[in-house]
Amino acid sequence: MVLAYAHQDSGDEEAALLALQIPELDLNRAFSFSPRLFAAYADVLESVGRYDDARRWRNQVPVAERALGAGHYEEPDILDFDDDEDEDGSSVPRISDLLGDAEAKEKRAQ
């Protein structure tokens, strides 16, 4: 993708297209990098005026994200900083536990 954008920045759109046409560029398969690859390919297709093809690849971005559980479909990391105990009876870490006492005092002072 970096090479494709370098070609695109230098005005060589055809070289950019060729750089992205790798075996993993497949509408029916999703790799961890597929959403970015599909979007990059759509960008280059659009820049050469192939709008219908670009729309098809851009529409695959959320499909790949959903299949991978990435992007808008990614489960957020949730940290709970209250005084309650976890379900297993262990204590939830406090900010002072994570930062150390001196840093926590400094953060509170700000």
PDB file of N, CA and C in Angstrom:
ATOM      1  N   MET A   1       0.821  -1.177   0.000  1.00  0.00           N
ATOM      2  CA  MET A   1       0.000   0.000   0.000  1.00  0.00           C
ATOM      3  C   MET A   1       0.869   1.246   0.000  1.00  0.00           C
ATOM      4  N   VAL A   2       1.960   1.206   0.731  1.00  0.00           N
ATOM      5  CA  VAL A   2       2.856   2.361   0.779  1.00  0.00           C
ATOM      6  C   VAL A   2       3.422   2.632  -0.609  1.00  0.00           C
ATOM      7  N   LEU A   3       3.834   1.581  -1.303  1.00  0.00           N
ATOM      8  CA  LEU A   3       4.367   1.726  -2.657  1.00  0.00           C
ATOM      9  C   LEU A   3       3.305   2.300  -3.591  1.00  0.00           C
ATOM     10  N   ALA A   4       2.084   1.838  -3.465  1.00  0.00           N
ATOM     11  CA  ALA A   4       1.003   2.344  -4.309  1.00  0.00           C
ATOM     12  C   ALA A   4       0.786   3.837  -4.078  1.00  0.00           C
ATOM     13  N   TYR A   5       0.775   4.257  -2.818  1.00  0.00           N
ATOM     14  CA  TYR A   5       0.596   5.677  -2.534  1.00  0.00           C
ATOM     15  C   TYR A   5       1.788   6.498  -3.030  1.00  0.00           C
ATOM     16  N   ALA A   6       2.987   5.936  -2.978  1.00  0.00           N
ATOM     17  CA  ALA A   6       4.161   6.632  -3.514  1.00  0.00           C
ATOM     18  C   ALA A   6       4.010   6.825  -5.022  1.00  0.00           C
ATOM     19  N   HIS A   7       3.569   5.779  -5.717  1.00  0.00           N
ATOM     20  CA  HIS A   7       3.327   5.908  -7.166  1.00  0.00           C
ATOM     21  C   HIS A   7       2.235   6.938  -7.437  1.00  0.00           C
ATOM     22  N   GLN A   8       1.195   6.897  -6.640  1.00  0.00           N
ATOM     23  CA  GLN A   8       0.084   7.824  -6.827  1.00  0.00           C
ATOM     24  C   GLN A   8       0.544   9.266  -6.580  1.00  0.00           C
ATOM     25  N   ASP A   9       1.356   9.475  -5.565  1.00  0.00           N
ATOM     26  CA  ASP A   9       1.867  10.819  -5.283  1.00  0.00           C
ATOM     27  C   ASP A   9       2.736  11.344  -6.415  1.00  0.00           C
ATOM     28  N   SER A  10       3.429  10.437  -7.101  1.00  0.00           N
ATOM     29  CA  SER A  10       4.274  10.865  -8.223  1.00  0.00           C
ATOM     30  C   SER A  10       3.483  10.951  -9.524  1.00  0.00           C
ATOM     31  N   GLY A  11       2.182  10.659  -9.462  1.00  0.00           N
ATOM     32  CA  GLY A  11       1.331  10.800 -10.642  1.00  0.00           C
ATOM     33  C   GLY A  11       1.226   9.562 -11.510  1.00  0.00           C
ATOM     34  N   ASP A  12       1.813   8.462 -11.082  1.00  0.00           N
ATOM     35  CA  ASP A  12       1.781   7.222 -11.871  1.00  0.00           C
ATOM     36  C   ASP A  12       0.666   6.313 -11.343  1.00  0.00           C
ATOM     37  N   GLU A  13      -0.556   6.621 -11.744  1.00  0.00           N
ATOM     38  CA  GLU A  13      -1.731   5.894 -11.262  1.00  0.00           C
ATOM     39  C   GLU A  13      -1.724   4.423 -11.685  1.00  0.00           C
ATOM     40  N   GLU A  14      -1.264   4.136 -12.891  1.00  0.00           N
ATOM     41  CA  GLU A  14      -1.235   2.740 -13.360  1.00  0.00           C
ATOM     42  C   GLU A  14      -0.283   1.895 -12.517  1.00  0.00           C
ATOM     43  N   ALA A  15       0.863   2.443 -12.164  1.00  0.00           N
ATOM     44  CA  ALA A  15       1.802   1.719 -11.299  1.00  0.00           C
ATOM     45  C   ALA A  15       1.197   1.517  -9.920  1.00  0.00           C
ATOM     46  N   ALA A  16       0.425   2.498  -9.459  1.00  0.00           N
ATOM     47  CA  ALA A  16      -0.248   2.372  -8.164  1.00  0.00           C
ATOM     48  C   ALA A  16      -1.244   1.213  -8.204  1.00  0.00           C
ATOM     49  N   LEU A  17      -2.017   1.123  -9.291  1.00  0.00           N
ATOM     50  CA  LEU A  17      -2.968   0.006  -9.436  1.00  0.00           C
ATOM     51  C   LEU A  17      -2.242  -1.327  -9.432  1.00  0.00           C
ATOM     52  N   LEU A  18      -1.160  -1.411 -10.187  1.00  0.00           N
ATOM     53  CA  LEU A  18      -0.401  -2.670 -10.263  1.00  0.00           C
ATOM     54  C   LEU A  18       0.184  -3.059  -8.907  1.00  0.00           C
ATOM     55  N   ALA A  19       0.648  -2.071  -8.149  1.00  0.00           N
ATOM     56  CA  ALA A  19       1.236  -2.359  -6.833  1.00  0.00           C
ATOM     57  C   ALA A  19       0.209  -2.961  -5.874  1.00  0.00           C
ATOM     58  N   LEU A  20      -1.064  -2.600  -6.055  1.00  0.00           N
ATOM     59  CA  LEU A  20      -2.108  -3.103  -5.164  1.00  0.00           C
ATOM     60  C   LEU A  20      -2.721  -4.421  -5.631  1.00  0.00           C
ATOM     61  N   GLN A  21      -2.456  -4.803  -6.846  1.00  0.00           N
ATOM     62  CA  GLN A  21      -3.053  -6.028  -7.383  1.00  0.00           C
ATOM     63  C   GLN A  21      -2.221  -7.240  -6.965  1.00  0.00           C
ATOM     64  N   ILE A  22      -2.354  -7.571  -5.699  1.00  0.00           N
ATOM     65  CA  ILE A  22      -1.641  -8.702  -5.108  1.00  0.00           C
ATOM     66  C   ILE A  22      -2.643  -9.847  -4.923  1.00  0.00           C
ATOM     67  N   PRO A  23      -2.175 -11.071  -4.723  1.00  0.00           N
ATOM     68  CA  PRO A  23      -3.105 -12.200  -4.578  1.00  0.00           C
ATOM     69  C   PRO A  23      -4.135 -12.005  -3.458  1.00  0.00           C
ATOM     70  N   GLU A  24      -3.781 -11.267  -2.427  1.00  0.00           N
ATOM     71  CA  GLU A  24      -4.703 -11.057  -1.306  1.00  0.00           C
ATOM     72  C   GLU A  24      -5.811 -10.043  -1.613  1.00  0.00           C
ATOM     73  N   LEU A  25      -5.735  -9.380  -2.760  1.00  0.00           N
ATOM     74  CA  LEU A  25      -6.794  -8.455  -3.176  1.00  0.00           C
ATOM     75  C   LEU A  25      -7.913  -9.303  -3.762  1.00  0.00           C
ATOM     76  N   ASP A  26      -8.800  -9.733  -2.893  1.00  0.00           N
ATOM     77  CA  ASP A  26      -9.835 -10.698  -3.252  1.00  0.00           C
ATOM     78  C   ASP A  26     -11.131 -10.311  -2.542  1.00  0.00           C
ATOM     79  N   LEU A  27     -12.171 -10.068  -3.310  1.00  0.00           N
ATOM     80  CA  LEU A  27     -13.452  -9.664  -2.735  1.00  0.00           C
ATOM     81  C   LEU A  27     -14.057 -10.727  -1.825  1.00  0.00           C
ATOM     82  N   ASN A  28     -13.636 -11.968  -1.982  1.00  0.00           N
ATOM     83  CA  ASN A  28     -14.238 -13.077  -1.236  1.00  0.00           C
ATOM     84  C   ASN A  28     -13.406 -13.554  -0.057  1.00  0.00           C
ATOM     85  N   ARG A  29     -12.298 -12.878   0.247  1.00  0.00           N
ATOM     86  CA  ARG A  29     -11.452 -13.274   1.371  1.00  0.00           C
ATOM     87  C   ARG A  29     -11.099 -12.045   2.183  1.00  0.00           C
ATOM     88  N   ALA A  30     -10.904 -12.230   3.468  1.00  0.00           N
ATOM     89  CA  ALA A  30     -10.549 -11.105   4.338  1.00  0.00           C
ATOM     90  C   ALA A  30      -9.319 -11.458   5.162  1.00  0.00           C
ATOM     91  N   PHE A  31      -8.291 -10.671   4.983  1.00  0.00           N
ATOM     92  CA  PHE A  31      -7.084 -10.753   5.796  1.00  0.00           C
ATOM     93  C   PHE A  31      -7.116  -9.552   6.754  1.00  0.00           C
ATOM     94  N   SER A  32      -6.252  -9.541   7.735  1.00  0.00           N
ATOM     95  CA  SER A  32      -6.272  -8.451   8.711  1.00  0.00           C
ATOM     96  C   SER A  32      -6.112  -7.076   8.055  1.00  0.00           C
ATOM     97  N   PHE A  33      -5.435  -7.026   6.932  1.00  0.00           N
ATOM     98  CA  PHE A  33      -5.180  -5.760   6.249  1.00  0.00           C
ATOM     99  C   PHE A  33      -6.165  -5.495   5.114  1.00  0.00           C
ATOM    100  N   SER A  34      -7.105  -6.387   4.873  1.00  0.00           N
ATOM    101  CA  SER A  34      -8.024  -6.248   3.740  1.00  0.00           C
ATOM    102  C   SER A  34      -8.823  -4.944   3.743  1.00  0.00           C
ATOM    103  N   PRO A  35      -9.384  -4.506   4.862  1.00  0.00           N
ATOM    104  CA  PRO A  35     -10.131  -3.241   4.802  1.00  0.00           C
ATOM    105  C   PRO A  35      -9.285  -2.071   4.283  1.00  0.00           C
ATOM    106  N   ARG A  36      -8.041  -1.972   4.741  1.00  0.00           N
ATOM    107  CA  ARG A  36      -7.163  -0.893   4.257  1.00  0.00           C
ATOM    108  C   ARG A  36      -6.792  -1.108   2.804  1.00  0.00           C
ATOM    109  N   LEU A  37      -6.536  -2.359   2.416  1.00  0.00           N
ATOM    110  CA  LEU A  37      -6.194  -2.666   1.029  1.00  0.00           C
ATOM    111  C   LEU A  37      -7.359  -2.339   0.104  1.00  0.00           C
ATOM    112  N   PHE A  38      -8.562  -2.743   0.492  1.00  0.00           N
ATOM    113  CA  PHE A  38      -9.741  -2.462  -0.329  1.00  0.00           C
ATOM    114  C   PHE A  38      -9.950  -0.957  -0.479  1.00  0.00           C
ATOM    115  N   ALA A  39      -9.789  -0.212   0.604  1.00  0.00           N
ATOM    116  CA  ALA A  39      -9.968   1.239   0.554  1.00  0.00           C
ATOM    117  C   ALA A  39      -8.899   1.895  -0.319  1.00  0.00           C
ATOM    118  N   ALA A  40      -7.664   1.440  -0.180  1.00  0.00           N
ATOM    119  CA  ALA A  40      -6.575   1.995  -1.002  1.00  0.00           C
ATOM    120  C   ALA A  40      -6.823   1.710  -2.482  1.00  0.00           C
ATOM    121  N   TYR A  41      -7.248   0.495  -2.789  1.00  0.00           N
ATOM    122  CA  TYR A  41      -7.538   0.126  -4.179  1.00  0.00           C
ATOM    123  C   TYR A  41      -8.689   0.973  -4.721  1.00  0.00           C
ATOM    124  N   ALA A  42      -9.718   1.174  -3.907  1.00  0.00           N
ATOM    125  CA  ALA A  42     -10.847   2.012  -4.321  1.00  0.00           C
ATOM    126  C   ALA A  42     -10.386   3.445  -4.588  1.00  0.00           C
ATOM    127  N   ASP A  43      -9.504   3.962  -3.754  1.00  0.00           N
ATOM    128  CA  ASP A  43      -8.979   5.320  -3.950  1.00  0.00           C
ATOM    129  C   ASP A  43      -8.281   5.451  -5.301  1.00  0.00           C
ATOM    130  N   VAL A  44      -7.438   4.478  -5.619  1.00  0.00           N
ATOM    131  CA  VAL A  44      -6.693   4.545  -6.873  1.00  0.00           C
ATOM    132  C   VAL A  44      -7.637   4.352  -8.064  1.00  0.00           C
ATOM    133  N   LEU A  45      -8.566   3.413  -7.951  1.00  0.00           N
ATOM    134  CA  LEU A  45      -9.534   3.220  -9.032  1.00  0.00           C
ATOM    135  C   LEU A  45     -10.317   4.508  -9.288  1.00  0.00           C
ATOM    136  N   GLU A  46     -10.700   5.172  -8.225  1.00  0.00           N
ATOM    137  CA  GLU A  46     -11.435   6.432  -8.355  1.00  0.00           C
ATOM    138  C   GLU A  46     -10.584   7.498  -9.039  1.00  0.00           C
ATOM    139  N   SER A  47      -9.308   7.519  -8.700  1.00  0.00           N
ATOM    140  CA  SER A  47      -8.423   8.544  -9.277  1.00  0.00           C
ATOM    141  C   SER A  47      -8.192   8.345 -10.774  1.00  0.00           C
ATOM    142  N   VAL A  48      -8.404   7.125 -11.268  1.00  0.00           N
ATOM    143  CA  VAL A  48      -8.283   6.887 -12.722  1.00  0.00           C
ATOM    144  C   VAL A  48      -9.648   6.878 -13.403  1.00  0.00           C
ATOM    145  N   GLY A  49     -10.688   7.252 -12.670  1.00  0.00           N
ATOM    146  CA  GLY A  49     -12.005   7.388 -13.256  1.00  0.00           C
ATOM    147  C   GLY A  49     -12.829   6.119 -13.331  1.00  0.00           C
ATOM    148  N   ARG A  50     -12.407   5.075 -12.657  1.00  0.00           N
ATOM    149  CA  ARG A  50     -13.158   3.809 -12.652  1.00  0.00           C
ATOM    150  C   ARG A  50     -14.079   3.793 -11.428  1.00  0.00           C
ATOM    151  N   TYR A  51     -15.096   4.640 -11.477  1.00  0.00           N
ATOM    152  CA  TYR A  51     -15.959   4.890 -10.325  1.00  0.00           C
ATOM    153  C   TYR A  51     -16.800   3.676  -9.921  1.00  0.00           C
ATOM    154  N   ASP A  52     -17.304   2.931 -10.878  1.00  0.00           N
ATOM    155  CA  ASP A  52     -18.115   1.753 -10.537  1.00  0.00           C
ATOM    156  C   ASP A  52     -17.269   0.701  -9.826  1.00  0.00           C
ATOM    157  N   ASP A  53     -16.057   0.468 -10.353  1.00  0.00           N
ATOM    158  CA  ASP A  53     -15.148  -0.485  -9.701  1.00  0.00           C
ATOM    159  C   ASP A  53     -14.757   0.012  -8.314  1.00  0.00           C
ATOM    160  N   ALA A  54     -14.503   1.310  -8.209  1.00  0.00           N
ATOM    161  CA  ALA A  54     -14.120   1.885  -6.912  1.00  0.00           C
ATOM    162  C   ALA A  54     -15.245   1.699  -5.892  1.00  0.00           C
ATOM    163  N   ARG A  55     -16.472   1.920  -6.317  1.00  0.00           N
ATOM    164  CA  ARG A  55     -17.618   1.764  -5.406  1.00  0.00           C
ATOM    165  C   ARG A  55     -17.739   0.312  -4.936  1.00  0.00           C
ATOM    166  N   ARG A  56     -17.510  -0.625  -5.853  1.00  0.00           N
ATOM    167  CA  ARG A  56     -17.590  -2.049  -5.494  1.00  0.00           C
ATOM    168  C   ARG A  56     -16.558  -2.397  -4.420  1.00  0.00           C
ATOM    169  N   TRP A  57     -15.326  -1.927  -4.581  1.00  0.00           N
ATOM    170  CA  TRP A  57     -14.279  -2.225  -3.595  1.00  0.00           C
ATOM    171  C   TRP A  57     -14.523  -1.470  -2.292  1.00  0.00           C
ATOM    172  N   ARG A  58     -14.989  -0.228  -2.380  1.00  0.00           N
ATOM    173  CA  ARG A  58     -15.261   0.539  -1.165  1.00  0.00           C
ATOM    174  C   ARG A  58     -16.396  -0.100  -0.366  1.00  0.00           C
ATOM    175  N   ASN A  59     -17.377  -0.673  -1.061  1.00  0.00           N
ATOM    176  CA  ASN A  59     -18.475  -1.358  -0.371  1.00  0.00           C
ATOM    177  C   ASN A  59     -18.004  -2.616   0.349  1.00  0.00           C
ATOM    178  N   GLN A  60     -16.872  -3.157  -0.045  1.00  0.00           N
ATOM    179  CA  GLN A  60     -16.346  -4.358   0.607  1.00  0.00           C
ATOM    180  C   GLN A  60     -15.614  -4.044   1.907  1.00  0.00           C
ATOM    181  N   VAL A  61     -15.249  -2.794   2.124  1.00  0.00           N
ATOM    182  CA  VAL A  61     -14.520  -2.432   3.352  1.00  0.00           C
ATOM    183  C   VAL A  61     -15.320  -2.809   4.598  1.00  0.00           C
ATOM    184  N   PRO A  62     -16.581  -2.368   4.743  1.00  0.00           N
ATOM    185  CA  PRO A  62     -17.320  -2.766   5.951  1.00  0.00           C
ATOM    186  C   PRO A  62     -17.617  -4.262   6.002  1.00  0.00           C
ATOM    187  N   VAL A  63     -17.722  -4.908   4.856  1.00  0.00           N
ATOM    188  CA  VAL A  63     -17.946  -6.359   4.836  1.00  0.00           C
ATOM    189  C   VAL A  63     -16.731  -7.066   5.443  1.00  0.00           C
ATOM    190  N   ALA A  64     -15.540  -6.651   5.024  1.00  0.00           N
ATOM    191  CA  ALA A  64     -14.309  -7.243   5.560  1.00  0.00           C
ATOM    192  C   ALA A  64     -14.152  -6.912   7.041  1.00  0.00           C
ATOM    193  N   GLU A  65     -14.462  -5.657   7.414  1.00  0.00           N
ATOM    194  CA  GLU A  65     -14.365  -5.278   8.828  1.00  0.00           C
ATOM    195  C   GLU A  65     -15.287  -6.132   9.681  1.00  0.00           C
ATOM    196  N   ARG A  66     -16.482  -6.351   9.191  1.00  0.00           N
ATOM    197  CA  ARG A  66     -17.437  -7.158   9.959  1.00  0.00           C
ATOM    198  C   ARG A  66     -16.945  -8.597  10.091  1.00  0.00           C
ATOM    199  N   ALA A  67     -16.423  -9.162   8.999  1.00  0.00           N
ATOM    200  CA  ALA A  67     -15.918 -10.539   9.021  1.00  0.00           C
ATOM    201  C   ALA A  67     -14.744 -10.673   9.983  1.00  0.00           C
ATOM    202  N   LEU A  68     -13.935  -9.626  10.085  1.00  0.00           N
ATOM    203  CA  LEU A  68     -12.752  -9.654  10.937  1.00  0.00           C
ATOM    204  C   LEU A  68     -13.015  -9.165  12.355  1.00  0.00           C
ATOM    205  N   GLY A  69     -14.185  -8.594  12.593  1.00  0.00           N
ATOM    206  CA  GLY A  69     -14.448  -7.984  13.898  1.00  0.00           C
ATOM    207  C   GLY A  69     -13.560  -6.775  14.111  1.00  0.00           C
ATOM    208  N   ALA A  70     -13.368  -5.991  13.044  1.00  0.00           N
ATOM    209  CA  ALA A  70     -12.479  -4.827  13.089  1.00  0.00           C
ATOM    210  C   ALA A  70     -13.269  -3.564  12.771  1.00  0.00           C
ATOM    211  N   GLY A  71     -12.592  -2.423  12.873  1.00  0.00           N
ATOM    212  CA  GLY A  71     -13.234  -1.154  12.533  1.00  0.00           C
ATOM    213  C   GLY A  71     -14.439  -0.893  13.410  1.00  0.00           C
ATOM    214  N   HIS A  72     -15.568  -0.575  12.793  1.00  0.00           N
ATOM    215  CA  HIS A  72     -16.800  -0.298  13.542  1.00  0.00           C
ATOM    216  C   HIS A  72     -17.325  -1.540  14.259  1.00  0.00           C
ATOM    217  N   TYR A  73     -16.856  -2.702  13.870  1.00  0.00           N
ATOM    218  CA  TYR A  73     -17.349  -3.956  14.455  1.00  0.00           C
ATOM    219  C   TYR A  73     -16.424  -4.491  15.533  1.00  0.00           C
ATOM    220  N   GLU A  74     -15.392  -3.741  15.876  1.00  0.00           N
ATOM    221  CA  GLU A  74     -14.432  -4.180  16.888  1.00  0.00           C
ATOM    222  C   GLU A  74     -15.021  -3.995  18.277  1.00  0.00           C
ATOM    223  N   GLU A  75     -14.800  -4.955  19.125  1.00  0.00           N
ATOM    224  CA  GLU A  75     -15.248  -4.871  20.517  1.00  0.00           C
ATOM    225  C   GLU A  75     -14.332  -3.894  21.246  1.00  0.00           C
ATOM    226  N   PRO A  76     -14.895  -2.918  21.918  1.00  0.00           N
ATOM    227  CA  PRO A  76     -14.047  -1.944  22.619  1.00  0.00           C
ATOM    228  C   PRO A  76     -13.427  -2.547  23.880  1.00  0.00           C
ATOM    229  N   ASP A  77     -12.233  -2.063  24.225  1.00  0.00           N
ATOM    230  CA  ASP A  77     -11.630  -2.413  25.507  1.00  0.00           C
ATOM    231  C   ASP A  77     -12.277  -1.525  26.557  1.00  0.00           C
ATOM    232  N   ILE A  78     -12.782  -2.126  27.604  1.00  0.00           N
ATOM    233  CA  ILE A  78     -13.460  -1.361  28.648  1.00  0.00           C
ATOM    234  C   ILE A  78     -12.686  -1.523  29.946  1.00  0.00           C
ATOM    235  N   LEU A  79     -12.269  -0.408  30.505  1.00  0.00           N
ATOM    236  CA  LEU A  79     -11.600  -0.409  31.798  1.00  0.00           C
ATOM    237  C   LEU A  79     -12.550   0.207  32.801  1.00  0.00           C
ATOM    238  N   ASP A  80     -12.736  -0.456  33.902  1.00  0.00           N
ATOM    239  CA  ASP A  80     -13.664  -0.010  34.929  1.00  0.00           C
ATOM    240  C   ASP A  80     -12.844   0.419  36.144  1.00  0.00           C
ATOM    241  N   PHE A  81     -12.843   1.706  36.460  1.00  0.00           N
ATOM    242  CA  PHE A  81     -12.051   2.237  37.559  1.00  0.00           C
ATOM    243  C   PHE A  81     -12.922   2.620  38.750  1.00  0.00           C
ATOM    244  N   ASP A  82     -13.678   1.679  39.262  1.00  0.00           N
ATOM    245  CA  ASP A  82     -14.468   1.973  40.457  1.00  0.00           C
ATOM    246  C   ASP A  82     -13.919   1.176  41.638  1.00  0.00           C
ATOM    247  N   ASP A  83     -14.559   1.309  42.781  1.00  0.00           N
ATOM    248  CA  ASP A  83     -14.088   0.645  43.995  1.00  0.00           C
ATOM    249  C   ASP A  83     -14.626  -0.772  44.158  1.00  0.00           C
ATOM    250  N   ASP A  84     -15.481  -1.194  43.268  1.00  0.00           N
ATOM    251  CA  ASP A  84     -16.077  -2.520  43.386  1.00  0.00           C
ATOM    252  C   ASP A  84     -15.074  -3.609  43.033  1.00  0.00           C
ATOM    253  N   GLU A  85     -15.427  -4.806  43.429  1.00  0.00           N
ATOM    254  CA  GLU A  85     -14.612  -5.955  43.070  1.00  0.00           C
ATOM    255  C   GLU A  85     -15.135  -6.560  41.787  1.00  0.00           C
ATOM    256  N   ASP A  86     -14.243  -7.227  41.050  1.00  0.00           N
ATOM    257  CA  ASP A  86     -14.645  -7.954  39.851  1.00  0.00           C
ATOM    258  C   ASP A  86     -15.523  -9.131  40.238  1.00  0.00           C
ATOM    259  N   GLU A  87     -16.117  -9.747  39.255  1.00  0.00           N
ATOM    260  CA  GLU A  87     -16.986 -10.899  39.489  1.00  0.00           C
ATOM    261  C   GLU A  87     -16.262 -12.037  40.200  1.00  0.00           C
ATOM    262  N   ASP A  88     -14.959 -12.154  39.947  1.00  0.00           N
ATOM    263  CA  ASP A  88     -14.211 -13.245  40.567  1.00  0.00           C
ATOM    264  C   ASP A  88     -13.712 -12.889  41.966  1.00  0.00           C
ATOM    265  N   GLY A  89     -14.074 -11.701  42.466  1.00  0.00           N
ATOM    266  CA  GLY A  89     -13.682 -11.310  43.816  1.00  0.00           C
ATOM    267  C   GLY A  89     -12.396 -10.506  43.880  1.00  0.00           C
ATOM    268  N   SER A  90     -11.687 -10.352  42.773  1.00  0.00           N
ATOM    269  CA  SER A  90     -10.452  -9.581  42.791  1.00  0.00           C
ATOM    270  C   SER A  90     -10.767  -8.092  42.642  1.00  0.00           C
ATOM    271  N   SER A  91      -9.889  -7.267  43.149  1.00  0.00           N
ATOM    272  CA  SER A  91     -10.092  -5.821  43.089  1.00  0.00           C
ATOM    273  C   SER A  91      -9.742  -5.293  41.708  1.00  0.00           C
ATOM    274  N   VAL A  92     -10.469  -4.286  41.298  1.00  0.00           N
ATOM    275  CA  VAL A  92     -10.182  -3.595  40.050  1.00  0.00           C
ATOM    276  C   VAL A  92      -9.038  -2.634  40.321  1.00  0.00           C
ATOM    277  N   PRO A  93      -8.040  -2.528  39.424  1.00  0.00           N
ATOM    278  CA  PRO A  93      -6.917  -1.629  39.691  1.00  0.00           C
ATOM    279  C   PRO A  93      -7.362  -0.168  39.749  1.00  0.00           C
ATOM    280  N   ARG A  94      -6.710   0.593  40.613  1.00  0.00           N
ATOM    281  CA  ARG A  94      -6.977   2.023  40.723  1.00  0.00           C
ATOM    282  C   ARG A  94      -5.934   2.760  39.894  1.00  0.00           C
ATOM    283  N   ILE A  95      -6.220   4.008  39.597  1.00  0.00           N
ATOM    284  CA  ILE A  95      -5.269   4.830  38.852  1.00  0.00           C
ATOM    285  C   ILE A  95      -3.926   4.849  39.564  1.00  0.00           C
ATOM    286  N   SER A  96      -3.940   4.987  40.889  1.00  0.00           N
ATOM    287  CA  SER A  96      -2.679   5.034  41.639  1.00  0.00           C
ATOM    288  C   SER A  96      -1.904   3.725  41.509  1.00  0.00           C
ATOM    289  N   ASP A  97      -2.622   2.602  41.365  1.00  0.00           N
ATOM    290  CA  ASP A  97      -1.949   1.315  41.167  1.00  0.00           C
ATOM    291  C   ASP A  97      -1.235   1.280  39.822  1.00  0.00           C
ATOM    292  N   LEU A  98      -1.853   1.904  38.832  1.00  0.00           N
ATOM    293  CA  LEU A  98      -1.296   1.871  37.481  1.00  0.00           C
ATOM    294  C   LEU A  98      -0.197   2.900  37.271  1.00  0.00           C
ATOM    295  N   LEU A  99      -0.333   4.077  37.873  1.00  0.00           N
ATOM    296  CA  LEU A  99       0.630   5.153  37.663  1.00  0.00           C
ATOM    297  C   LEU A  99       1.700   5.238  38.733  1.00  0.00           C
ATOM    298  N   GLY A 100       1.457   4.698  39.883  1.00  0.00           N
ATOM    299  CA  GLY A 100       2.364   4.883  41.009  1.00  0.00           C
ATOM    300  C   GLY A 100       1.886   6.071  41.816  1.00  0.00           C
ATOM    301  N   ASP A 101       2.183   6.103  43.101  1.00  0.00           N
ATOM    302  CA  ASP A 101       1.647   7.124  43.994  1.00  0.00           C
ATOM    303  C   ASP A 101       2.058   8.536  43.606  1.00  0.00           C
ATOM    304  N   ALA A 102       3.321   8.768  43.260  1.00  0.00           N
ATOM    305  CA  ALA A 102       3.792  10.119  42.950  1.00  0.00           C
ATOM    306  C   ALA A 102       3.095  10.656  41.700  1.00  0.00           C
ATOM    307  N   GLU A 103       3.001   9.839  40.665  1.00  0.00           N
ATOM    308  CA  GLU A 103       2.344  10.286  39.429  1.00  0.00           C
ATOM    309  C   GLU A 103       0.854  10.509  39.659  1.00  0.00           C
ATOM    310  N   ALA A 104       0.231   9.656  40.453  1.00  0.00           N
ATOM    311  CA  ALA A 104      -1.209   9.811  40.723  1.00  0.00           C
ATOM    312  C   ALA A 104      -1.482  11.122  41.452  1.00  0.00           C
ATOM    313  N   LYS A 105      -0.629  11.468  42.428  1.00  0.00           N
ATOM    314  CA  LYS A 105      -0.806  12.738  43.152  1.00  0.00           C
ATOM    315  C   LYS A 105      -0.653  13.920  42.194  1.00  0.00           C
ATOM    316  N   GLU A 106       0.328  13.818  41.313  1.00  0.00           N
ATOM    317  CA  GLU A 106       0.562  14.878  40.337  1.00  0.00           C
ATOM    318  C   GLU A 106      -0.631  15.028  39.396  1.00  0.00           C
ATOM    319  N   LYS A 107      -1.215  13.919  38.958  1.00  0.00           N
ATOM    320  CA  LYS A 107      -2.391  13.942  38.087  1.00  0.00           C
ATOM    321  C   LYS A 107      -3.593  14.570  38.795  1.00  0.00           C
ATOM    322  N   ARG A 108      -3.777  14.226  40.068  1.00  0.00           N
ATOM    323  CA  ARG A 108      -4.886  14.788  40.830  1.00  0.00           C
ATOM    324  C   ARG A 108      -4.711  16.301  41.010  1.00  0.00           C
ATOM    325  N   ALA A 109      -3.464  16.754  41.150  1.00  0.00           N
ATOM    326  CA  ALA A 109      -3.190  18.169  41.369  1.00  0.00           C
ATOM    327  C   ALA A 109      -3.486  18.991  40.101  1.00  0.00           C
ATOM    328  N   GLN A 110      -3.439  18.381  38.962  1.00  0.00           N
ATOM    329  CA  GLN A 110      -3.675  19.109  37.711  1.00  0.00           C
ATOM    330  C   GLN A 110      -5.108  19.293  37.534  1.00  0.00           C
TER     331      GLN A 110
END
